[in-house]
Amino acid sequence: MGYAGRVGFLMSPIHRTRFAPSPTGAMHLGHARTHLLAWLRARQLGGRVLMRIEDLDRQRTRAGAEEALLRDHEWLGLEWDEGPVRQSQRTDFYASALSELRDLGLVYACSCTRREVAAVSAPHEDEPVYPGTCRSGPRHPERKTATRFRMPDTSPGFTDIYAGVFEPGRVRGDFIVRRSDELFAYQLAVVVDDAEQGVTEVVRADDLLSSTPRQLALYAALGLTAPSFAHVPLVLGPTGARLAKRDGAMGIATLREAGVTREQLLGRLAFSLGLTASEAPTSLDELLGADLSTIRREPAVIDLPEAAS
């Protein structure tokens, strides 16, 4: 029996999506915007929302961050139906999937460092492409090794709900599914979680577009049915740079503490997605009637609302 049978996987006929924050910092406007869209899609389709805390990397996890993230979701009104489920408590699932891939001959030990991979990648590549150095065995067996997945010669393509067609073959290179420090990598964990938890639609930021073919390859290798994907353009900071958790002024908690109301913030988020005609304050009940079939495809710079008087 393959991995899909062992976990008792069955793709749910009910729309299921998830919030999947990492407790490494504050919830910022980009997270809130993406999770708002995921919540609206689930509610319009009569679906369910799972809360999953992606806390595998314990060294990056900040004390109190999980509680703060949950509190911010609750303040925004973005309630969830199941969870929270924590990745740190699910490593047996990831180990089982990795064992299946190993039995299939689809993974191998790799001793290459990030610097070594970057050094042999073409300078015009968007990200370093692993050239398969260790496919026949670790080049440096004296080092601790990571585990890489053998990517198909032509990577999968897919059609995204918002980003459109992503052509096959655009993503190259074998990728890590377990790090040299023995932590399971994001690509494997998220596939196992979404499959085992019956997620039918993944709504996330479009900086993860290139991760999707890698995950689709894992779904196929493990005999799992992939969800649909809806990638949302990023929110940029005031300087035009990508918004990050270190941008504390953009944190939802910071805005709340400054007196910004939920309705003010929802109005700005909804307008940036193209769901409303203005930035006027709005409510989740009002947004439930919005047309979610299209959204603005350009990155958003959101003007922060002033605190209500």
Protein backbone atom coordinates (compact mmCIF):
# COMPACT_ATOMS: atom_id res chain seq x y z
CA MET A 1 0.00 0.00 0.00
CA GLY A 2 1.37 3.41 -0.98
CA TYR A 3 1.63 6.47 1.19
CA ALA A 4 -1.79 7.78 0.09
CA GLY A 5 -3.45 4.62 1.36
CA ARG A 6 -1.51 4.55 4.60
CA VAL A 7 -2.65 8.01 5.64
CA GLY A 8 -6.21 7.19 4.64
CA PHE A 9 -6.24 10.14 2.25
CA LEU A 10 -9.49 11.03 0.51
CA MET A 11 -9.90 14.37 -1.23
CA SER A 12 -12.89 16.00 0.38
CA PRO A 13 -15.78 16.99 -1.94
CA ILE A 14 -16.30 20.01 0.33
CA HIS A 15 -14.26 23.16 -0.30
CA ARG A 16 -11.47 23.21 2.28
CA THR A 17 -8.76 25.78 2.58
CA ARG A 18 -6.29 26.73 5.29
CA PHE A 19 -4.53 29.52 7.06
CA ALA A 20 -0.89 28.46 7.46
CA PRO A 21 1.05 31.17 9.34
CA SER A 22 4.57 30.66 10.67
CA PRO A 23 5.07 31.87 14.27
CA THR A 24 8.24 33.75 13.43
CA GLY A 25 6.92 37.29 13.80
CA ALA A 26 3.90 39.54 13.60
CA MET A 27 1.01 39.13 11.19
CA HIS A 28 1.48 41.84 8.56
CA LEU A 29 -0.78 43.32 5.89
CA GLY A 30 0.26 40.76 3.28
CA HIS A 31 -0.80 37.84 5.46
CA ALA A 32 -4.06 39.56 6.37
CA ARG A 33 -4.85 40.29 2.72
CA THR A 34 -4.22 36.72 1.58
CA HIS A 35 -6.13 35.20 4.49
CA LEU A 36 -9.05 37.56 3.91
CA LEU A 37 -9.35 36.28 0.35
CA ALA A 38 -9.03 32.65 1.45
CA TRP A 39 -11.74 33.18 4.08
CA LEU A 40 -14.10 34.88 1.66
CA ARG A 41 -13.68 32.14 -0.94
CA ALA A 42 -14.37 29.45 1.66
CA ARG A 43 -17.45 31.21 3.02
CA GLN A 44 -18.91 31.96 -0.41
CA LEU A 45 -18.52 28.28 -1.37
CA GLY A 46 -19.89 26.94 1.90
CA GLY A 47 -16.48 25.54 2.76
CA ARG A 48 -14.30 25.17 5.82
CA VAL A 49 -11.08 26.78 6.99
CA LEU A 50 -8.31 24.94 8.83
CA MET A 51 -5.77 26.77 10.99
CA ARG A 52 -2.31 25.23 10.68
CA ILE A 53 0.72 26.59 12.50
CA GLU A 54 3.86 25.99 10.42
CA ASP A 55 6.36 25.79 13.25
CA LEU A 56 8.79 23.13 12.02
CA ASP A 57 11.81 25.40 12.30
CA ARG A 58 11.90 25.81 16.06
CA GLN A 59 14.99 28.04 15.93
CA ARG A 60 13.04 30.69 14.02
CA THR A 61 9.89 30.40 16.14
CA ARG A 62 9.37 33.38 18.45
CA ALA A 63 7.86 33.03 21.90
CA GLY A 64 4.30 34.31 21.95
CA ALA A 65 4.06 34.63 18.16
CA GLU A 66 1.49 31.88 17.73
CA GLU A 67 -0.85 33.41 20.29
CA ALA A 68 -0.43 36.83 18.66
CA LEU A 69 -1.22 35.46 15.20
CA LEU A 70 -4.37 33.75 16.43
CA ARG A 71 -5.43 36.91 18.24
CA ASP A 72 -4.96 38.99 15.08
CA HIS A 73 -7.07 36.58 13.04
CA GLU A 74 -9.82 36.71 15.64
CA TRP A 75 -9.74 40.51 15.75
CA LEU A 76 -10.14 40.68 11.97
CA GLY A 77 -13.07 38.26 12.19
CA LEU A 78 -11.25 35.59 10.17
CA GLU A 79 -12.37 32.66 12.26
CA TRP A 80 -11.42 29.10 11.41
CA ASP A 81 -13.40 25.87 11.69
CA GLU A 82 -10.66 23.39 12.64
CA GLY A 83 -7.34 23.52 14.44
CA PRO A 84 -4.92 24.90 15.21
CA VAL A 85 -2.84 21.96 13.99
CA ARG A 86 0.91 22.30 14.51
CA GLN A 87 3.51 20.95 12.10
CA SER A 88 5.92 20.33 14.96
CA GLN A 89 3.56 17.57 16.13
CA ARG A 90 3.30 15.89 12.73
CA THR A 91 6.82 14.73 11.95
CA ASP A 92 5.75 11.06 11.81
CA PHE A 93 3.65 11.88 8.75
CA TYR A 94 6.59 13.53 7.01
CA ALA A 95 8.90 10.64 7.89
CA SER A 96 6.41 8.18 6.39
CA ALA A 97 6.19 10.15 3.15
CA LEU A 98 9.98 10.42 2.93
CA SER A 99 10.29 6.65 3.45
CA GLU A 100 7.89 6.12 0.55
CA LEU A 101 9.94 8.40 -1.70
CA ARG A 102 13.10 6.57 -0.68
CA ASP A 103 11.56 3.20 -1.50
CA LEU A 104 10.61 4.57 -4.92
CA GLY A 105 14.20 5.72 -5.55
CA LEU A 106 13.08 9.33 -5.87
CA VAL A 107 15.34 10.90 -3.23
CA TYR A 108 19.06 10.85 -2.55
CA ALA A 109 21.62 12.18 -0.07
CA CYS A 110 23.26 15.48 -0.96
CA SER A 111 26.31 17.04 0.69
CA CYS A 112 26.35 20.31 -1.30
CA THR A 113 26.15 23.62 0.52
CA ARG A 114 24.03 26.56 -0.60
CA ARG A 115 27.18 28.44 -1.52
CA GLU A 116 28.35 25.58 -3.74
CA VAL A 117 25.01 25.38 -5.52
CA ALA A 118 24.94 29.15 -6.05
CA ALA A 119 28.48 29.09 -7.42
CA VAL A 120 27.58 26.73 -10.29
CA SER A 121 24.21 28.32 -11.16
CA ALA A 122 23.86 30.57 -14.18
CA PRO A 123 23.97 34.24 -13.16
CA HIS A 124 20.66 34.99 -14.94
CA GLU A 125 18.70 32.38 -12.98
CA ASP A 126 16.01 33.73 -10.65
CA GLU A 127 17.11 31.20 -8.02
CA PRO A 128 20.00 28.74 -7.81
CA VAL A 129 19.37 25.56 -9.81
CA TYR A 130 20.85 22.37 -8.38
CA PRO A 131 22.87 20.63 -11.13
CA GLY A 132 22.53 17.08 -9.75
CA THR A 133 26.05 16.92 -8.31
CA CYS A 134 25.22 14.21 -5.76
CA ARG A 135 22.74 12.15 -7.79
CA SER A 136 25.22 9.28 -7.95
CA GLY A 137 26.32 9.68 -4.34
CA PRO A 138 27.36 12.49 -1.97
CA ARG A 139 30.35 14.44 -3.31
CA HIS A 140 31.51 15.00 0.28
CA PRO A 141 30.37 11.93 2.29
CA GLU A 142 32.20 13.22 5.36
CA ARG A 143 29.63 16.02 5.69
CA LYS A 144 26.12 15.83 7.07
CA THR A 145 23.78 15.33 4.15
CA ALA A 146 20.43 16.73 3.15
CA THR A 147 17.88 14.70 1.18
CA ARG A 148 16.90 15.87 -2.31
CA PHE A 149 13.94 14.88 -4.46
CA ARG A 150 14.64 13.92 -8.08
CA MET A 151 12.64 16.48 -10.04
CA PRO A 152 11.18 15.18 -13.33
CA ASP A 153 13.01 16.30 -16.46
CA THR A 154 9.99 18.46 -17.28
CA SER A 155 8.44 19.98 -14.18
CA PRO A 156 4.64 20.00 -13.92
CA GLY A 157 2.62 22.93 -15.15
CA PHE A 158 -0.70 24.09 -13.78
CA THR A 159 -3.42 26.67 -14.19
CA ASP A 160 -3.72 29.03 -11.26
CA ILE A 161 -7.09 30.53 -10.33
CA TYR A 162 -5.65 34.05 -10.44
CA ALA A 163 -2.18 33.87 -12.00
CA GLY A 164 -3.29 31.82 -15.01
CA VAL A 165 -1.20 29.27 -16.87
CA PHE A 166 2.20 28.28 -15.46
CA GLU A 167 3.88 26.34 -18.26
CA PRO A 168 5.50 22.92 -17.72
CA GLY A 169 9.28 22.91 -17.53
CA ARG A 170 9.71 26.35 -16.00
CA VAL A 171 11.14 25.05 -12.71
CA ARG A 172 14.36 23.03 -12.79
CA GLY A 173 16.63 21.25 -10.38
CA ASP A 174 16.30 18.69 -7.60
CA PHE A 175 15.17 20.22 -4.32
CA ILE A 176 15.59 19.51 -0.63
CA VAL A 177 12.87 17.61 1.25
CA ARG A 178 14.89 17.10 4.45
CA ARG A 179 17.66 19.41 5.55
CA SER A 180 21.09 18.41 6.77
CA ASP A 181 20.00 19.35 10.32
CA GLU A 182 17.24 16.69 9.90
CA LEU A 183 14.39 19.20 9.76
CA PHE A 184 11.78 18.34 7.14
CA ALA A 185 11.62 20.99 4.45
CA TYR A 186 8.63 23.16 3.64
CA GLN A 187 7.99 21.56 0.24
CA LEU A 188 7.44 18.08 1.67
CA ALA A 189 5.64 19.14 4.85
CA VAL A 190 3.09 21.33 3.10
CA VAL A 191 2.21 18.61 0.59
CA VAL A 192 1.76 15.98 3.28
CA ASP A 193 -0.29 18.34 5.43
CA ASP A 194 -2.58 19.62 2.68
CA ALA A 195 -3.21 16.08 1.42
CA GLU A 196 -3.79 14.45 4.80
CA GLN A 197 -5.98 17.34 5.93
CA GLY A 198 -8.13 17.25 2.81
CA VAL A 199 -7.33 20.76 1.57
CA THR A 200 -8.95 21.35 -1.82
CA GLU A 201 -7.75 24.92 -2.45
CA VAL A 202 -4.56 26.71 -1.44
CA VAL A 203 -4.65 30.51 -1.37
CA ARG A 204 -1.23 32.06 -0.84
CA ALA A 205 1.12 34.82 -1.99
CA ASP A 206 2.53 34.59 -5.49
CA ASP A 207 6.13 34.52 -4.31
CA LEU A 208 5.36 30.79 -3.94
CA LEU A 209 4.34 30.29 -7.58
CA SER A 210 7.62 28.56 -8.39
CA SER A 211 7.17 26.22 -5.43
CA THR A 212 3.95 24.84 -6.87
CA PRO A 213 5.51 22.66 -9.62
CA ARG A 214 7.81 21.13 -7.00
CA GLN A 215 4.84 20.36 -4.80
CA LEU A 216 2.85 18.98 -7.73
CA ALA A 217 5.74 16.62 -8.46
CA LEU A 218 5.58 15.40 -4.86
CA TYR A 219 1.81 14.93 -5.04
CA ALA A 220 2.26 12.78 -8.14
CA ALA A 221 5.13 10.76 -6.67
CA LEU A 222 3.15 10.00 -3.50
CA GLY A 223 -0.05 9.16 -5.35
CA LEU A 224 -1.95 12.10 -3.89
CA THR A 225 -4.53 14.37 -5.50
CA ALA A 226 -3.34 17.97 -5.61
CA PRO A 227 -5.55 20.90 -4.59
CA SER A 228 -6.21 23.89 -6.80
CA PHE A 229 -4.07 26.99 -6.29
CA ALA A 230 -4.86 30.69 -6.09
CA HIS A 231 -1.78 32.90 -5.85
CA VAL A 232 -2.22 36.48 -4.67
CA PRO A 233 0.16 39.35 -5.58
CA LEU A 234 2.42 40.57 -2.79
CA VAL A 235 1.92 43.60 -0.62
CA LEU A 236 4.88 45.96 -0.84
CA GLY A 237 6.17 48.33 1.78
CA PRO A 238 6.19 52.13 1.37
CA THR A 239 9.56 51.98 -0.44
CA GLY A 240 8.30 49.39 -2.93
CA ALA A 241 10.24 46.56 -1.32
CA ARG A 242 8.60 43.28 -0.40
CA LEU A 243 6.78 43.50 2.92
CA ALA A 244 8.34 41.32 5.61
CA LYS A 245 7.59 40.43 9.22
CA ARG A 246 10.41 42.70 10.30
CA ASP A 247 8.32 45.66 9.10
CA GLY A 248 6.77 46.13 12.53
CA ALA A 249 4.86 49.27 11.57
CA MET A 250 2.83 47.14 9.15
CA GLY A 251 1.87 44.62 11.84
CA ILE A 252 -1.85 44.11 12.43
CA ALA A 253 -1.36 44.31 16.19
CA THR A 254 0.49 47.62 15.86
CA LEU A 255 -2.33 49.10 13.80
CA ARG A 256 -4.96 47.83 16.23
CA GLU A 257 -3.10 49.28 19.19
CA ALA A 258 -2.87 52.62 17.37
CA GLY A 259 -6.66 52.77 17.19
CA VAL A 260 -7.24 51.61 13.60
CA THR A 261 -10.59 49.82 13.41
CA ARG A 262 -11.21 46.43 11.84
CA GLU A 263 -13.58 48.03 9.31
CA GLN A 264 -10.96 50.58 8.27
CA LEU A 265 -8.38 47.89 7.70
CA LEU A 266 -10.77 45.58 5.86
CA GLY A 267 -11.67 48.48 3.57
CA ARG A 268 -8.02 49.04 2.62
CA LEU A 269 -7.34 45.33 2.13
CA ALA A 270 -10.48 44.79 0.04
CA PHE A 271 -9.75 47.80 -2.18
CA SER A 272 -6.18 46.63 -2.78
CA LEU A 273 -7.58 43.31 -4.04
CA GLY A 274 -10.06 45.06 -6.35
CA LEU A 275 -13.07 43.82 -4.38
CA THR A 276 -14.44 47.30 -3.64
CA ALA A 277 -14.57 50.60 -5.50
CA SER A 278 -13.03 52.62 -2.69
CA GLU A 279 -10.99 52.32 0.49
CA ALA A 280 -14.02 53.13 2.65
CA PRO A 281 -14.43 51.07 5.81
CA THR A 282 -16.34 47.84 5.27
CA SER A 283 -17.32 44.66 7.07
CA LEU A 284 -16.90 40.97 6.39
CA ASP A 285 -20.65 40.66 5.92
CA GLU A 286 -20.53 43.26 3.15
CA LEU A 287 -17.52 41.62 1.52
CA LEU A 288 -19.26 38.25 1.38
CA GLY A 289 -21.15 39.62 -1.63
CA ALA A 290 -17.97 40.62 -3.52
CA ASP A 291 -17.06 39.12 -6.88
CA LEU A 292 -13.98 36.97 -6.20
CA SER A 293 -13.55 35.70 -9.77
CA THR A 294 -10.80 38.22 -10.50
CA ILE A 295 -8.46 40.31 -8.40
CA ARG A 296 -5.87 42.96 -9.15
CA ARG A 297 -2.77 41.30 -10.49
CA GLU A 298 -0.20 43.99 -9.67
CA PRO A 299 1.59 44.11 -6.30
CA ALA A 300 -0.16 46.34 -3.80
CA VAL A 301 1.11 49.24 -1.73
CA ILE A 302 -1.50 49.85 0.95
CA ASP A 303 -1.84 53.30 2.47
CA LEU A 304 -2.23 52.82 6.19
CA PRO A 305 -5.48 54.18 7.60
CA GLU A 306 -5.40 56.75 10.35
CA ALA A 307 -6.87 55.82 13.69
CA ALA A 308 -10.57 56.44 14.02
CA SER A 309 -11.34 59.60 15.98
